Amino acid sequence: MTGLLPLTVEQKIETRNAVVRIHTNGLLTLHHLPGVTESHLDDFKRNHEALKELANGRPRPFLMNTGGVHRISNESKSYMNSTLLHLAERMALVPGDSNAMAKMAIRIYLILHRPAIPTAVFRDDEQAVKWLLSQKKET
């Protein structure tokens, strides 16, 4: 998480295609590993299990940086939509090093599928973290 606001990692899990972290402030993050260009249903399921383990049964603010992922299967998108509400209270997406077309595709997808939680797309992790923390729910 280079260049990111100071965040202290409480715990992390590395899957086949991503690193999933929970930070001491409760923020969940998922960063796809360098060189990963596709994400399939089995990847989403394993990443979901890692996120679920770290979230400890409580929806949390969630940052997903897709890195170099350019292709996600439709079944994976459907799986994400059906499980996201149980993991995240709001989500920030960072398209990573994706091209302009991929970023536009993400925005169109969000318009068409309207996630059940507040979701926004950002240029970088720092902007995403600032938004997630500024939106933090009162407890």
Protein backbone atom coordinates (compact mmCIF):
# COMPACT_ATOMS: atom_id res chain seq x y z
CA MET A 1 0.00 0.00 0.00
CA THR A 2 2.63 2.44 -1.04
CA GLY A 3 1.81 6.11 -0.75
CA LEU A 4 -1.20 5.34 1.40
CA LEU A 5 -2.19 7.26 4.49
CA PRO A 6 -0.55 5.78 7.57
CA LEU A 7 -2.51 2.63 8.31
CA THR A 8 -1.45 -0.04 10.73
CA VAL A 9 -2.12 -3.58 9.58
CA GLU A 10 -3.67 -5.72 12.28
CA GLN A 11 -3.79 -8.93 10.24
CA LYS A 12 -3.36 -10.01 6.61
CA ILE A 13 -4.13 -13.02 4.46
CA GLU A 14 -2.57 -13.66 1.06
CA THR A 15 -4.69 -15.62 -1.42
CA ARG A 16 -3.74 -16.89 -4.88
CA ASN A 17 -4.42 -13.49 -6.47
CA ALA A 18 -4.69 -10.87 -3.70
CA VAL A 19 -3.60 -9.60 -0.30
CA VAL A 20 -6.46 -8.98 2.11
CA ARG A 21 -5.86 -6.86 5.21
CA ILE A 22 -7.70 -5.55 8.23
CA HIS A 23 -6.27 -2.40 9.76
CA THR A 24 -6.42 -1.27 13.38
CA ASN A 25 -9.02 1.37 12.43
CA GLY A 26 -11.37 -1.37 11.13
CA LEU A 27 -10.76 -0.75 7.43
CA LEU A 28 -10.73 -3.85 5.20
CA THR A 29 -8.54 -3.73 2.08
CA LEU A 30 -8.02 -6.05 -0.86
CA HIS A 31 -5.21 -5.46 -3.35
CA HIS A 32 -4.75 -7.77 -6.30
CA LEU A 33 -1.21 -9.02 -6.66
CA PRO A 34 1.10 -7.71 -9.41
CA GLY A 35 0.74 -9.67 -12.63
CA VAL A 36 -2.87 -10.74 -11.97
CA THR A 37 -4.99 -9.77 -15.00
CA GLU A 38 -8.07 -11.98 -14.54
CA SER A 39 -10.25 -12.88 -11.58
CA HIS A 40 -12.48 -15.96 -11.62
CA LEU A 41 -15.23 -17.27 -9.37
CA ASP A 42 -12.88 -19.48 -7.34
CA ASP A 43 -10.70 -16.40 -6.69
CA PHE A 44 -13.71 -14.39 -5.55
CA LYS A 45 -14.80 -17.19 -3.22
CA ARG A 46 -11.36 -17.49 -1.61
CA ASN A 47 -11.01 -13.72 -1.29
CA HIS A 48 -14.51 -13.56 0.21
CA GLU A 49 -13.57 -16.19 2.82
CA ALA A 50 -10.43 -14.21 3.73
CA LEU A 51 -12.42 -10.96 4.00
CA LYS A 52 -15.09 -12.69 6.08
CA GLU A 53 -12.48 -14.09 8.45
CA LEU A 54 -10.85 -10.68 8.96
CA ALA A 55 -14.16 -8.80 9.26
CA ASN A 56 -15.14 -11.10 12.10
CA GLY A 57 -18.87 -11.00 11.31
CA ARG A 58 -19.12 -7.21 11.16
CA PRO A 59 -19.61 -5.13 8.00
CA ARG A 60 -16.73 -2.67 7.66
CA PRO A 61 -15.49 0.05 5.31
CA PHE A 62 -13.86 -1.75 2.36
CA LEU A 63 -11.27 -0.67 -0.21
CA MET A 64 -10.73 -2.86 -3.27
CA ASN A 65 -7.80 -2.04 -5.55
CA THR A 66 -8.12 -4.12 -8.71
CA GLY A 67 -4.49 -3.58 -9.72
CA GLY A 68 -3.94 -4.97 -13.21
CA VAL A 69 -7.16 -7.01 -13.36
CA HIS A 70 -8.82 -6.39 -16.71
CA ARG A 71 -11.21 -9.34 -16.90
CA ILE A 72 -13.74 -10.51 -14.32
CA SER A 73 -16.23 -13.25 -15.14
CA ASN A 74 -19.95 -12.48 -14.95
CA GLU A 75 -20.46 -15.23 -12.37
CA SER A 76 -17.78 -13.55 -10.22
CA LYS A 77 -19.55 -10.18 -10.43
CA SER A 78 -22.83 -11.83 -9.45
CA TYR A 79 -21.15 -13.57 -6.51
CA MET A 80 -19.60 -10.29 -5.35
CA ASN A 81 -22.96 -8.52 -5.51
CA SER A 82 -24.65 -11.24 -3.46
CA THR A 83 -21.99 -11.34 -0.72
CA LEU A 84 -20.82 -7.74 -0.46
CA LEU A 85 -23.57 -6.54 1.87
CA HIS A 86 -22.44 -8.99 4.55
CA LEU A 87 -18.85 -7.73 4.45
CA ALA A 88 -18.93 -4.03 3.79
CA GLU A 89 -20.88 -1.03 5.03
CA ARG A 90 -19.44 1.03 2.14
CA MET A 91 -16.91 0.36 -0.60
CA ALA A 92 -14.23 2.33 -2.42
CA LEU A 93 -12.99 0.92 -5.73
CA VAL A 94 -9.59 1.82 -7.16
CA PRO A 95 -9.15 0.51 -10.71
CA GLY A 96 -5.39 0.33 -10.18
CA ASP A 97 -3.40 0.35 -13.38
CA SER A 98 -6.45 -0.42 -15.52
CA ASN A 99 -6.90 1.62 -18.66
CA ALA A 100 -9.54 4.32 -19.18
CA MET A 101 -11.94 1.83 -20.81
CA ALA A 102 -11.78 -0.46 -17.78
CA LYS A 103 -12.45 2.47 -15.45
CA MET A 104 -15.45 3.49 -17.54
CA ALA A 105 -16.72 -0.10 -17.54
CA ILE A 106 -16.56 -0.14 -13.72
CA ARG A 107 -18.57 3.08 -13.48
CA ILE A 108 -21.19 1.79 -15.96
CA TYR A 109 -21.41 -1.50 -14.04
CA LEU A 110 -22.06 0.41 -10.81
CA ILE A 111 -24.77 2.50 -12.46
CA LEU A 112 -26.51 -0.56 -13.89
CA HIS A 113 -26.20 -2.80 -10.82
CA ARG A 114 -26.51 -0.21 -8.05
CA PRO A 115 -24.70 -1.81 -5.10
CA ALA A 116 -26.73 -2.04 -1.89
CA ILE A 117 -24.05 -0.05 -0.04
CA PRO A 118 -22.51 3.38 -0.74
CA THR A 119 -19.83 2.81 -3.39
CA ALA A 120 -17.44 5.21 -5.09
CA VAL A 121 -14.57 4.93 -7.59
CA PHE A 122 -11.25 6.70 -6.93
CA ARG A 123 -7.96 7.32 -8.74
CA ASP A 124 -5.80 6.07 -5.87
CA ASP A 125 -5.84 4.41 -2.47
CA GLU A 126 -5.21 7.64 -0.57
CA GLN A 127 -8.35 9.32 -1.91
CA ALA A 128 -10.34 6.14 -1.29
CA VAL A 129 -9.16 5.83 2.32
CA LYS A 130 -9.94 9.49 3.02
CA TRP A 131 -13.50 8.99 1.71
CA LEU A 132 -14.01 5.73 3.62
CA LEU A 133 -12.80 7.22 6.90
CA SER A 134 -14.80 10.45 6.42
CA GLN A 135 -17.93 8.34 5.94
CA LYS A 136 -17.26 6.27 9.07
CA LYS A 137 -20.46 5.30 10.86
CA GLU A 138 -21.10 6.56 14.35
CA THR A 139 -20.91 3.68 16.84
